PDB file of N, CA and C in Angstrom:
ATOM      1  N   MET A   1       1.458  -1.131  -0.110  1.00  0.00           N
ATOM      2  CA  MET A   1      -0.235   0.186   0.595  1.00  0.00           C
ATOM      3  C   MET A   1       0.915   1.555   0.881  1.00  0.00           C
ATOM      4  N   SER A   2       0.932   1.571  -0.998  1.00  0.00           N
ATOM      5  CA  SER A   2       1.665   3.172  -1.292  1.00  0.00           C
ATOM      6  C   SER A   2       0.999   4.816  -0.471  1.00  0.00           C
ATOM      7  N   ALA A   3       1.727   4.821   0.198  1.00  0.00           N
ATOM      8  CA  ALA A   3       0.989   6.443   0.885  1.00  0.00           C
ATOM      9  C   ALA A   3       0.829   7.822  -0.047  1.00  0.00           C
ATOM     10  N   GLU A   4      -0.185   7.973  -0.163  1.00  0.00           N
ATOM     11  CA  GLU A   4       0.056   9.522  -0.707  1.00  0.00           C
ATOM     12  C   GLU A   4       0.549  10.872  -0.984  1.00  0.00           C
ATOM     13  N   PRO A   5       0.742  11.490  -1.347  1.00  0.00           N
ATOM     14  CA  PRO A   5       1.116  13.100  -0.393  1.00  0.00           C
ATOM     15  C   PRO A   5       0.299  13.745   0.306  1.00  0.00           C
ATOM     16  N   MET A   6      -0.110  14.556   0.900  1.00  0.00           N
ATOM     17  CA  MET A   6      -1.178  15.681   0.946  1.00  0.00           C
ATOM     18  C   MET A   6      -0.837  15.841   0.285  1.00  0.00           C
ATOM     19  N   GLU A   7      -1.945  16.814  -0.135  1.00  0.00           N
ATOM     20  CA  GLU A   7      -1.918  18.275  -0.681  1.00  0.00           C
ATOM     21  C   GLU A   7      -2.386  19.558  -0.365  1.00  0.00           C
ATOM     22  N   LEU A   8      -1.449  20.089   0.292  1.00  0.00           N
ATOM     23  CA  LEU A   8      -2.094  21.635   1.494  1.00  0.00           C
ATOM     24  C   LEU A   8      -1.999  22.175   0.120  1.00  0.00           C
ATOM     25  N   PRO A   9      -2.610  22.906   0.845  1.00  0.00           N
ATOM     26  CA  PRO A   9      -2.887  24.465  -0.666  1.00  0.00           C
ATOM     27  C   PRO A   9      -1.655  25.259  -0.308  1.00  0.00           C
ATOM     28  N   VAL A  10      -0.689  26.273  -1.420  1.00  0.00           N
ATOM     29  CA  VAL A  10       0.190  26.808  -1.341  1.00  0.00           C
ATOM     30  C   VAL A  10      -0.540  28.144  -1.279  1.00  0.00           C
ATOM     31  N   GLN A  11       0.311  28.620   0.330  1.00  0.00           N
ATOM     32  CA  GLN A  11      -0.119  29.898   0.315  1.00  0.00           C
ATOM     33  C   GLN A  11       1.229  30.434   0.617  1.00  0.00           C
ATOM     34  N   SER A  12       0.543  31.856  -0.235  1.00  0.00           N
ATOM     35  CA  SER A  12       1.983  33.139  -0.154  1.00  0.00           C
ATOM     36  C   SER A  12       3.135  33.126   0.700  1.00  0.00           C
ATOM     37  N   LEU A  13       4.021  33.605   0.752  1.00  0.00           N
ATOM     38  CA  LEU A  13       5.127  33.626   2.100  1.00  0.00           C
ATOM     39  C   LEU A  13       4.681  35.198   2.553  1.00  0.00           C
ATOM     40  N   GLU A  14       4.264  35.674   2.584  1.00  0.00           N
ATOM     41  CA  GLU A  14       3.797  37.553   2.971  1.00  0.00           C
ATOM     42  C   GLU A  14       3.098  37.469   2.987  1.00  0.00           C
ATOM     43  N   ALA A  15       2.045  37.129   4.102  1.00  0.00           N
ATOM     44  CA  ALA A  15       1.036  37.449   4.642  1.00  0.00           C
ATOM     45  C   ALA A  15       0.803  38.656   5.040  1.00  0.00           C
ATOM     46  N   PRO A  16      -0.749  39.507   4.406  1.00  0.00           N
ATOM     47  CA  PRO A  16      -1.240  40.684   4.507  1.00  0.00           C
ATOM     48  C   PRO A  16      -0.757  40.014   6.242  1.00  0.00           C
ATOM     49  N   ALA A  17      -0.389  41.291   6.943  1.00  0.00           N
ATOM     50  CA  ALA A  17      -0.416  41.862   8.186  1.00  0.00           C
ATOM     51  C   ALA A  17      -1.666  43.042   8.432  1.00  0.00           C
ATOM     52  N   LEU A  18      -1.737  42.767  10.250  1.00  0.00           N
ATOM     53  CA  LEU A  18      -2.665  43.273  11.027  1.00  0.00           C
ATOM     54  C   LEU A  18      -1.319  44.808  11.278  1.00  0.00           C
ATOM     55  N   THR A  19      -2.153  46.052  11.171  1.00  0.00           N
ATOM     56  CA  THR A  19      -0.562  47.494  11.652  1.00  0.00           C
ATOM     57  C   THR A  19      -1.868  47.914  12.556  1.00  0.00           C
ATOM     58  N   LYS A  20      -0.272  48.747  13.350  1.00  0.00           N
ATOM     59  CA  LYS A  20      -1.702  49.619  14.211  1.00  0.00           C
ATOM     60  C   LYS A  20      -2.061  50.562  13.319  1.00  0.00           C
ATOM     61  N   ALA A  21      -1.712  51.324  12.028  1.00  0.00           N
ATOM     62  CA  ALA A  21      -2.875  52.326  11.932  1.00  0.00           C
ATOM     63  C   ALA A  21      -3.877  50.935  11.624  1.00  0.00           C
ATOM     64  N   GLN A  22      -4.311  49.968  10.611  1.00  0.00           N
ATOM     65  CA  GLN A  22      -5.284  48.869  10.658  1.00  0.00           C
ATOM     66  C   GLN A  22      -5.831  49.023  11.809  1.00  0.00           C
ATOM     67  N   LEU A  23      -5.595  48.974  13.148  1.00  0.00           N
ATOM     68  CA  LEU A  23      -5.940  48.870  14.565  1.00  0.00           C
ATOM     69  C   LEU A  23      -7.302  50.308  15.175  1.00  0.00           C
ATOM     70  N   ALA A  24      -6.156  51.189  14.575  1.00  0.00           N
ATOM     71  CA  ALA A  24      -7.047  52.987  14.835  1.00  0.00           C
ATOM     72  C   ALA A  24      -7.535  53.025  14.272  1.00  0.00           C
ATOM     73  N   ASP A  25      -8.036  52.297  12.957  1.00  0.00           N
ATOM     74  CA  ASP A  25      -8.996  52.991  12.390  1.00  0.00           C
ATOM     75  C   ASP A  25     -10.104  51.386  12.622  1.00  0.00           C
ATOM     76  N   LEU A  26     -10.029  50.737  12.920  1.00  0.00           N
ATOM     77  CA  LEU A  26     -10.808  50.096  13.088  1.00  0.00           C
ATOM     78  C   LEU A  26     -11.500  49.984  14.571  1.00  0.00           C
ATOM     79  N   LEU A  27     -10.524  51.344  15.479  1.00  0.00           N
ATOM     80  CA  LEU A  27     -11.775  52.066  16.765  1.00  0.00           C
ATOM     81  C   LEU A  27     -11.879  53.203  16.295  1.00  0.00           C
ATOM     82  N   PHE A  28     -11.585  54.263  15.087  1.00  0.00           N
ATOM     83  CA  PHE A  28     -12.848  54.998  14.310  1.00  0.00           C
ATOM     84  C   PHE A  28     -13.533  53.693  14.179  1.00  0.00           C
ATOM     85  N   GLU A  29     -13.495  53.438  13.600  1.00  0.00           N
ATOM     86  CA  GLU A  29     -14.627  53.069  12.223  1.00  0.00           C
ATOM     87  C   GLU A  29     -16.075  52.045  12.889  1.00  0.00           C
ATOM     88  N   GLN A  30     -15.681  51.436  14.183  1.00  0.00           N
ATOM     89  CA  GLN A  30     -16.580  50.534  15.561  1.00  0.00           C
ATOM     90  C   GLN A  30     -16.646  51.337  16.189  1.00  0.00           C
ATOM     91  N   ILE A  31     -15.750  52.199  17.322  1.00  0.00           N
ATOM     92  CA  ILE A  31     -15.873  52.635  18.103  1.00  0.00           C
ATOM     93  C   ILE A  31     -16.230  53.699  18.563  1.00  0.00           C
ATOM     94  N   GLY A  32     -15.949  54.221  17.190  1.00  0.00           N
ATOM     95  CA  GLY A  32     -16.525  55.928  17.207  1.00  0.00           C
ATOM     96  C   GLY A  32     -15.902  57.177  17.905  1.00  0.00           C
ATOM     97  N   LEU A  33     -14.238  56.456  18.265  1.00  0.00           N
ATOM     98  CA  LEU A  33     -12.841  57.032  18.894  1.00  0.00           C
ATOM     99  C   LEU A  33     -12.813  58.085  17.201  1.00  0.00           C
ATOM    100  N   ASN A  34     -12.212  59.395  17.480  1.00  0.00           N
ATOM    101  CA  ASN A  34     -11.492  59.994  17.109  1.00  0.00           C
ATOM    102  C   ASN A  34     -10.565  59.051  16.035  1.00  0.00           C
ATOM    103  N   LYS A  35      -9.855  60.216  15.240  1.00  0.00           N
ATOM    104  CA  LYS A  35      -8.671  59.180  14.529  1.00  0.00           C
ATOM    105  C   LYS A  35      -7.795  59.436  15.187  1.00  0.00           C
ATOM    106  N   ARG A  36      -7.883  60.528  15.849  1.00  0.00           N
ATOM    107  CA  ARG A  36      -6.146  61.101  17.264  1.00  0.00           C
ATOM    108  C   ARG A  36      -6.118  59.957  18.306  1.00  0.00           C
ATOM    109  N   GLU A  37      -7.362  59.675  18.744  1.00  0.00           N
ATOM    110  CA  GLU A  37      -8.385  59.101  20.155  1.00  0.00           C
ATOM    111  C   GLU A  37      -7.331  58.025  19.633  1.00  0.00           C
ATOM    112  N   SER A  38      -8.189  57.226  18.477  1.00  0.00           N
ATOM    113  CA  SER A  38      -7.625  55.892  18.299  1.00  0.00           C
ATOM    114  C   SER A  38      -6.405  55.152  18.378  1.00  0.00           C
ATOM    115  N   LYS A  39      -5.182  56.604  16.761  1.00  0.00           N
ATOM    116  CA  LYS A  39      -4.421  56.154  17.617  1.00  0.00           C
ATOM    117  C   LYS A  39      -3.498  56.077  18.546  1.00  0.00           C
ATOM    118  N   ASP A  40      -4.218  57.114  19.635  1.00  0.00           N
ATOM    119  CA  ASP A  40      -3.334  57.104  20.911  1.00  0.00           C
ATOM    120  C   ASP A  40      -3.779  56.304  21.432  1.00  0.00           C
ATOM    121  N   MET A  41      -4.336  55.816  21.691  1.00  0.00           N
ATOM    122  CA  MET A  41      -5.330  54.460  22.366  1.00  0.00           C
ATOM    123  C   MET A  41      -4.288  52.681  21.666  1.00  0.00           C
ATOM    124  N   VAL A  42      -4.196  52.660  20.171  1.00  0.00           N
ATOM    125  CA  VAL A  42      -3.423  51.518  20.327  1.00  0.00           C
ATOM    126  C   VAL A  42      -2.217  51.868  20.877  1.00  0.00           C
ATOM    127  N   ASP A  43      -1.293  53.700  20.595  1.00  0.00           N
ATOM    128  CA  ASP A  43      -0.231  53.416  20.668  1.00  0.00           C
ATOM    129  C   ASP A  43      -0.032  53.193  22.227  1.00  0.00           C
ATOM    130  N   ALA A  44      -0.590  53.259  22.830  1.00  0.00           N
ATOM    131  CA  ALA A  44      -0.133  53.608  24.692  1.00  0.00           C
ATOM    132  C   ALA A  44      -0.542  51.536  24.787  1.00  0.00           C
ATOM    133  N   PHE A  45      -1.568  51.187  24.501  1.00  0.00           N
ATOM    134  CA  PHE A  45      -1.199  49.957  24.173  1.00  0.00           C
ATOM    135  C   PHE A  45       0.252  49.361  24.464  1.00  0.00           C
ATOM    136  N   PHE A  46       0.751  49.242  22.775  1.00  0.00           N
ATOM    137  CA  PHE A  46       1.542  48.643  22.570  1.00  0.00           C
ATOM    138  C   PHE A  46       2.862  49.519  23.384  1.00  0.00           C
ATOM    139  N   ASP A  47       2.655  50.646  24.076  1.00  0.00           N
ATOM    140  CA  ASP A  47       3.880  51.346  24.406  1.00  0.00           C
ATOM    141  C   ASP A  47       3.891  50.249  25.941  1.00  0.00           C
ATOM    142  N   LEU A  48       3.196  49.963  26.761  1.00  0.00           N
ATOM    143  CA  LEU A  48       1.916  49.611  27.620  1.00  0.00           C
ATOM    144  C   LEU A  48       2.433  48.282  28.473  1.00  0.00           C
ATOM    145  N   MET A  49       2.446  47.063  26.888  1.00  0.00           N
ATOM    146  CA  MET A  49       2.833  46.090  26.491  1.00  0.00           C
ATOM    147  C   MET A  49       4.492  46.310  26.731  1.00  0.00           C
ATOM    148  N   ALA A  50       4.679  47.101  25.635  1.00  0.00           N
ATOM    149  CA  ALA A  50       6.455  47.236  25.566  1.00  0.00           C
ATOM    150  C   ALA A  50       7.008  46.984  27.099  1.00  0.00           C
ATOM    151  N   GLU A  51       6.474  48.035  28.085  1.00  0.00           N
ATOM    152  CA  GLU A  51       7.082  48.856  28.786  1.00  0.00           C
ATOM    153  C   GLU A  51       7.487  47.525  30.065  1.00  0.00           C
ATOM    154  N   ARG A  52       6.187  46.764  29.942  1.00  0.00           N
ATOM    155  CA  ARG A  52       5.843  45.759  30.943  1.00  0.00           C
ATOM    156  C   ARG A  52       7.551  44.467  30.717  1.00  0.00           C
ATOM    157  N   LEU A  53       7.291  43.934  29.675  1.00  0.00           N
ATOM    158  CA  LEU A  53       8.244  42.642  28.975  1.00  0.00           C
ATOM    159  C   LEU A  53       9.718  43.478  29.462  1.00  0.00           C
ATOM    160  N   VAL A  54       9.558  45.430  28.820  1.00  0.00           N
ATOM    161  CA  VAL A  54      11.150  45.432  29.459  1.00  0.00           C
ATOM    162  C   VAL A  54      11.412  44.850  30.786  1.00  0.00           C
ATOM    163  N   GLU A  55      10.630  45.359  31.526  1.00  0.00           N
ATOM    164  CA  GLU A  55      10.923  44.781  32.814  1.00  0.00           C
ATOM    165  C   GLU A  55      10.662  44.011  33.759  1.00  0.00           C
ATOM    166  N   GLY A  56      10.795  42.576  32.834  1.00  0.00           N
ATOM    167  CA  GLY A  56      10.705  41.510  32.824  1.00  0.00           C
ATOM    168  C   GLY A  56       9.372  40.378  32.863  1.00  0.00           C
ATOM    169  N   GLU A  57       7.993  41.495  32.817  1.00  0.00           N
ATOM    170  CA  GLU A  57       6.896  40.746  33.300  1.00  0.00           C
ATOM    171  C   GLU A  57       6.054  40.260  32.152  1.00  0.00           C
ATOM    172  N   ASP A  58       5.033  39.019  32.523  1.00  0.00           N
ATOM    173  CA  ASP A  58       4.782  38.432  31.794  1.00  0.00           C
ATOM    174  C   ASP A  58       3.860  39.639  31.085  1.00  0.00           C
ATOM    175  N   VAL A  59       2.961  39.081  29.745  1.00  0.00           N
ATOM    176  CA  VAL A  59       1.907  40.369  29.466  1.00  0.00           C
ATOM    177  C   VAL A  59       0.899  39.245  29.417  1.00  0.00           C
ATOM    178  N   LYS A  60      -0.085  38.596  29.510  1.00  0.00           N
ATOM    179  CA  LYS A  60      -1.599  38.290  29.715  1.00  0.00           C
ATOM    180  C   LYS A  60      -2.619  38.444  28.915  1.00  0.00           C
ATOM    181  N   LEU A  61      -3.394  38.515  27.604  1.00  0.00           N
ATOM    182  CA  LEU A  61      -4.527  38.686  27.167  1.00  0.00           C
ATOM    183  C   LEU A  61      -5.110  37.579  27.190  1.00  0.00           C
ATOM    184  N   SER A  62      -6.161  37.789  27.803  1.00  0.00           N
ATOM    185  CA  SER A  62      -6.625  36.734  28.388  1.00  0.00           C
ATOM    186  C   SER A  62      -7.632  35.829  26.664  1.00  0.00           C
ATOM    187  N   GLY A  63      -8.022  34.918  26.711  1.00  0.00           N
ATOM    188  CA  GLY A  63      -8.115  34.615  25.151  1.00  0.00           C
ATOM    189  C   GLY A  63      -7.509  34.385  23.878  1.00  0.00           C
ATOM    190  N   PHE A  64      -6.370  35.405  24.385  1.00  0.00           N
ATOM    191  CA  PHE A  64      -5.735  35.682  23.025  1.00  0.00           C
ATOM    192  C   PHE A  64      -3.836  35.062  23.348  1.00  0.00           C
ATOM    193  N   GLY A  65      -3.657  35.068  24.320  1.00  0.00           N
ATOM    194  CA  GLY A  65      -2.584  33.931  24.490  1.00  0.00           C
ATOM    195  C   GLY A  65      -1.926  35.130  25.817  1.00  0.00           C
ATOM    196  N   ASN A  66       0.326  34.717  25.662  1.00  0.00           N
ATOM    197  CA  ASN A  66       0.612  35.555  27.124  1.00  0.00           C
ATOM    198  C   ASN A  66       2.313  35.238  26.016  1.00  0.00           C
ATOM    199  N   PHE A  67       3.097  36.973  26.701  1.00  0.00           N
ATOM    200  CA  PHE A  67       4.055  37.692  25.709  1.00  0.00           C
ATOM    201  C   PHE A  67       4.538  37.179  27.176  1.00  0.00           C
ATOM    202  N   GLN A  68       5.993  36.161  26.832  1.00  0.00           N
ATOM    203  CA  GLN A  68       6.910  36.411  27.767  1.00  0.00           C
ATOM    204  C   GLN A  68       8.634  35.951  27.506  1.00  0.00           C
ATOM    205  N   VAL A  69       9.589  37.077  28.360  1.00  0.00           N
ATOM    206  CA  VAL A  69      10.608  37.574  27.702  1.00  0.00           C
ATOM    207  C   VAL A  69      11.462  36.234  28.649  1.00  0.00           C
ATOM    208  N   ARG A  70      12.772  35.788  27.941  1.00  0.00           N
ATOM    209  CA  ARG A  70      12.935  34.744  28.362  1.00  0.00           C
ATOM    210  C   ARG A  70      14.692  35.165  27.753  1.00  0.00           C
ATOM    211  N   MET A  71      15.670  34.317  29.173  1.00  0.00           N
ATOM    212  CA  MET A  71      16.389  35.031  28.530  1.00  0.00           C
ATOM    213  C   MET A  71      17.147  33.342  27.331  1.00  0.00           C
ATOM    214  N   LYS A  72      18.531  34.288  26.913  1.00  0.00           N
ATOM    215  CA  LYS A  72      18.375  32.422  25.988  1.00  0.00           C
ATOM    216  C   LYS A  72      19.992  32.506  25.992  1.00  0.00           C
ATOM    217  N   ALA A  73      20.725  31.278  26.533  1.00  0.00           N
ATOM    218  CA  ALA A  73      22.421  30.695  26.515  1.00  0.00           C
ATOM    219  C   ALA A  73      22.961  31.983  25.963  1.00  0.00           C
ATOM    220  N   PRO A  74      23.592  32.038  25.937  1.00  0.00           N
ATOM    221  CA  PRO A  74      25.833  32.148  24.834  1.00  0.00           C
ATOM    222  C   PRO A  74      25.630  30.818  24.359  1.00  0.00           C
ATOM    223  N   ARG A  75      25.294  31.429  23.203  1.00  0.00           N
ATOM    224  CA  ARG A  75      26.026  29.816  21.897  1.00  0.00           C
ATOM    225  C   ARG A  75      26.861  29.930  21.313  1.00  0.00           C
ATOM    226  N   PRO A  76      27.782  29.023  20.761  1.00  0.00           N
ATOM    227  CA  PRO A  76      28.731  28.765  19.418  1.00  0.00           C
ATOM    228  C   PRO A  76      27.774  29.168  17.662  1.00  0.00           C
ATOM    229  N   GLY A  77      28.319  29.772  17.592  1.00  0.00           N
ATOM    230  CA  GLY A  77      27.753  30.255  16.309  1.00  0.00           C
ATOM    231  C   GLY A  77      27.887  29.757  14.502  1.00  0.00           C
ATOM    232  N   ARG A  78      27.224  30.264  13.758  1.00  0.00           N
ATOM    233  CA  ARG A  78      29.028  29.987  12.535  1.00  0.00           C
ATOM    234  C   ARG A  78      27.779  30.862  11.314  1.00  0.00           C
ATOM    235  N   ASN A  79      29.383  31.392  10.838  1.00  0.00           N
ATOM    236  CA  ASN A  79      29.258  32.434   9.964  1.00  0.00           C
ATOM    237  C   ASN A  79      28.439  31.573   8.844  1.00  0.00           C
ATOM    238  N   PRO A  80      27.370  31.849   7.859  1.00  0.00           N
ATOM    239  CA  PRO A  80      27.718  30.587   7.168  1.00  0.00           C
ATOM    240  C   PRO A  80      28.231  30.522   5.731  1.00  0.00           C
ATOM    241  N   ARG A  81      28.250  32.046   5.619  1.00  0.00           N
ATOM    242  CA  ARG A  81      29.047  32.312   4.034  1.00  0.00           C
ATOM    243  C   ARG A  81      30.253  32.046   4.802  1.00  0.00           C
ATOM    244  N   THR A  82      30.870  32.325   5.029  1.00  0.00           N
ATOM    245  CA  THR A  82      32.646  31.218   5.284  1.00  0.00           C
ATOM    246  C   THR A  82      33.075  30.425   6.483  1.00  0.00           C
ATOM    247  N   GLY A  83      31.342  29.431   7.685  1.00  0.00           N
ATOM    248  CA  GLY A  83      31.878  28.848   7.635  1.00  0.00           C
ATOM    249  C   GLY A  83      32.167  29.170   9.294  1.00  0.00           C
ATOM    250  N   GLU A  84      33.412  30.834   9.759  1.00  0.00           N
ATOM    251  CA  GLU A  84      34.129  31.342  10.259  1.00  0.00           C
ATOM    252  C   GLU A  84      32.907  30.419  12.051  1.00  0.00           C
ATOM    253  N   LEU A  85      33.564  30.628  13.087  1.00  0.00           N
ATOM    254  CA  LEU A  85      32.802  30.109  14.246  1.00  0.00           C
ATOM    255  C   LEU A  85      32.615  31.597  14.682  1.00  0.00           C
ATOM    256  N   ILE A  86      31.818  31.807  14.727  1.00  0.00           N
ATOM    257  CA  ILE A  86      31.587  32.738  15.967  1.00  0.00           C
ATOM    258  C   ILE A  86      30.772  33.078  16.930  1.00  0.00           C
ATOM    259  N   PRO A  87      30.996  33.972  18.219  1.00  0.00           N
ATOM    260  CA  PRO A  87      30.007  33.387  19.240  1.00  0.00           C
ATOM    261  C   PRO A  87      29.204  34.784  19.592  1.00  0.00           C
ATOM    262  N   ILE A  88      27.307  33.794  19.280  1.00  0.00           N
ATOM    263  CA  ILE A  88      26.236  34.326  19.702  1.00  0.00           C
ATOM    264  C   ILE A  88      26.184  34.585  21.587  1.00  0.00           C
ATOM    265  N   GLU A  89      25.588  35.818  21.751  1.00  0.00           N
ATOM    266  CA  GLU A  89      26.318  36.382  23.184  1.00  0.00           C
ATOM    267  C   GLU A  89      24.774  36.300  23.867  1.00  0.00           C
ATOM    268  N   ALA A  90      24.574  36.032  24.619  1.00  0.00           N
ATOM    269  CA  ALA A  90      22.904  35.876  25.745  1.00  0.00           C
ATOM    270  C   ALA A  90      22.518  36.944  25.196  1.00  0.00           C
ATOM    271  N   ARG A  91      21.487  36.068  25.658  1.00  0.00           N
ATOM    272  CA  ARG A  91      20.363  37.970  24.757  1.00  0.00           C
ATOM    273  C   ARG A  91      18.833  37.592  25.435  1.00  0.00           C
ATOM    274  N   ARG A  92      17.868  38.793  25.642  1.00  0.00           N
ATOM    275  CA  ARG A  92      16.258  38.324  25.962  1.00  0.00           C
ATOM    276  C   ARG A  92      15.574  38.619  24.768  1.00  0.00           C
ATOM    277  N   VAL A  93      14.939  37.623  25.048  1.00  0.00           N
ATOM    278  CA  VAL A  93      14.153  37.523  23.148  1.00  0.00           C
ATOM    279  C   VAL A  93      12.557  37.422  23.839  1.00  0.00           C
ATOM    280  N   VAL A  94      11.989  37.723  23.877  1.00  0.00           N
ATOM    281  CA  VAL A  94      10.032  37.564  23.624  1.00  0.00           C
ATOM    282  C   VAL A  94       9.671  36.555  22.832  1.00  0.00           C
ATOM    283  N   THR A  95       9.121  35.450  23.122  1.00  0.00           N
ATOM    284  CA  THR A  95       8.487  34.125  23.335  1.00  0.00           C
ATOM    285  C   THR A  95       6.539  34.755  23.145  1.00  0.00           C
ATOM    286  N   PHE A  96       6.084  34.425  22.166  1.00  0.00           N
ATOM    287  CA  PHE A  96       4.602  34.044  22.385  1.00  0.00           C
ATOM    288  C   PHE A  96       4.349  32.963  22.512  1.00  0.00           C
ATOM    289  N   HIS A  97       3.604  32.422  23.525  1.00  0.00           N
ATOM    290  CA  HIS A  97       2.176  31.585  23.960  1.00  0.00           C
ATOM    291  C   HIS A  97       0.422  31.730  22.955  1.00  0.00           C
ATOM    292  N   ALA A  98       0.161  31.346  22.285  1.00  0.00           N
ATOM    293  CA  ALA A  98      -1.542  31.624  22.020  1.00  0.00           C
ATOM    294  C   ALA A  98      -1.657  30.262  22.674  1.00  0.00           C
ATOM    295  N   SER A  99      -3.293  31.189  23.817  1.00  0.00           N
ATOM    296  CA  SER A  99      -3.895  30.848  23.900  1.00  0.00           C
ATOM    297  C   SER A  99      -4.992  28.950  23.806  1.00  0.00           C
ATOM    298  N   SER A 100      -5.293  28.284  24.586  1.00  0.00           N
ATOM    299  CA  SER A 100      -6.417  27.373  23.933  1.00  0.00           C
ATOM    300  C   SER A 100      -7.696  27.440  23.391  1.00  0.00           C
ATOM    301  N   LYS A 101      -7.678  28.604  23.687  1.00  0.00           N
ATOM    302  CA  LYS A 101      -8.891  29.002  23.433  1.00  0.00           C
ATOM    303  C   LYS A 101      -8.463  29.761  21.591  1.00  0.00           C
ATOM    304  N   LEU A 102      -7.430  30.147  20.819  1.00  0.00           N
ATOM    305  CA  LEU A 102      -7.464  30.925  20.720  1.00  0.00           C
ATOM    306  C   LEU A 102      -6.687  29.369  18.790  1.00  0.00           C
ATOM    307  N   LYS A 103      -5.992  28.737  20.168  1.00  0.00           N
ATOM    308  CA  LYS A 103      -5.952  27.418  19.010  1.00  0.00           C
ATOM    309  C   LYS A 103      -6.691  26.844  18.285  1.00  0.00           C
ATOM    310  N   GLU A 104      -7.492  26.523  19.277  1.00  0.00           N
ATOM    311  CA  GLU A 104      -8.718  25.947  18.942  1.00  0.00           C
ATOM    312  C   GLU A 104      -9.500  26.702  17.558  1.00  0.00           C
ATOM    313  N   GLN A 105      -9.979  28.335  18.226  1.00  0.00           N
ATOM    314  CA  GLN A 105     -10.605  29.153  16.470  1.00  0.00           C
ATOM    315  C   GLN A 105      -9.186  28.665  15.793  1.00  0.00           C
ATOM    316  N   LEU A 106      -8.085  28.807  15.553  1.00  0.00           N
ATOM    317  CA  LEU A 106      -7.156  28.680  14.701  1.00  0.00           C
ATOM    318  C   LEU A 106      -7.877  26.766  13.973  1.00  0.00           C
ATOM    319  N   GLN A 107      -7.342  26.063  14.821  1.00  0.00           N
ATOM    320  CA  GLN A 107      -8.287  24.768  14.171  1.00  0.00           C
ATOM    321  C   GLN A 107      -8.953  24.862  13.211  1.00  0.00           C
ATOM    322  N   GLN A 108     -10.385  25.418  13.932  1.00  0.00           N
ATOM    323  CA  GLN A 108     -11.426  24.961  13.160  1.00  0.00           C
ATOM    324  C   GLN A 108     -11.682  25.843  12.247  1.00  0.00           C
ATOM    325  N   GLU A 109     -10.666  26.881  11.560  1.00  0.00           N
ATOM    326  CA  GLU A 109     -10.592  27.654  11.139  1.00  0.00           C
ATOM    327  C   GLU A 109      -9.737  26.803   9.289  1.00  0.00           C
ATOM    328  N   LEU A 110      -8.927  26.219  10.609  1.00  0.00           N
ATOM    329  CA  LEU A 110      -7.850  25.328   9.075  1.00  0.00           C
ATOM    330  C   LEU A 110      -9.211  23.603   8.542  1.00  0.00           C
ATOM    331  N   LEU A 111     -10.082  23.335   9.491  1.00  0.00           N
ATOM    332  CA  LEU A 111     -10.734  22.133   9.908  1.00  0.00           C
ATOM    333  C   LEU A 111     -12.113  23.318   8.506  1.00  0.00           C
ATOM    334  N   GLY A 112     -12.269  24.181   8.885  1.00  0.00           N
ATOM    335  CA  GLY A 112     -13.644  25.450   7.664  1.00  0.00           C
ATOM    336  C   GLY A 112     -14.671  23.963   8.618  1.00  0.00           C
ATOM    337  N   ASP A 113     -14.331  24.170  10.406  1.00  0.00           N
ATOM    338  CA  ASP A 113     -15.909  23.951  10.904  1.00  0.00           C
ATOM    339  C   ASP A 113     -16.602  22.833  11.271  1.00  0.00           C
ATOM    340  N   LYS A 114     -15.926  21.277  10.419  1.00  0.00           N
ATOM    341  CA  LYS A 114     -15.882  20.237  10.395  1.00  0.00           C
ATOM    342  C   LYS A 114     -15.576  19.920  11.824  1.00  0.00           C
ATOM    343  N   ALA A 115     -15.406  20.725  12.510  1.00  0.00           N
ATOM    344  CA  ALA A 115     -14.894  19.678  13.989  1.00  0.00           C
ATOM    345  C   ALA A 115     -15.470  19.359  15.012  1.00  0.00           C
TER     346      ALA A 115
END
């Protein structure tokens, strides 16, 4: 019995992104804030998130997911062009873990609500 490869839809590598400007426009259109207030609210939200992450705090958005700051240990790296060994220093990175609710929504979208 031969296994046939699964055929998956090919998607562009450059998916459209939701921007801060689009979020501000949505606040303007759906909530009725003026454009300046909408932009200020979006900026304040992201400034607060960044501030908390810089302080080392987790940012938890119920029903969406958690942003966390993690320390990555130093490790040896390699220049792919020359093969030269290059040390990669320790650094802090932000990770995102989707909530169960968001993961479920993503799966329902993938399965076309057949689940």
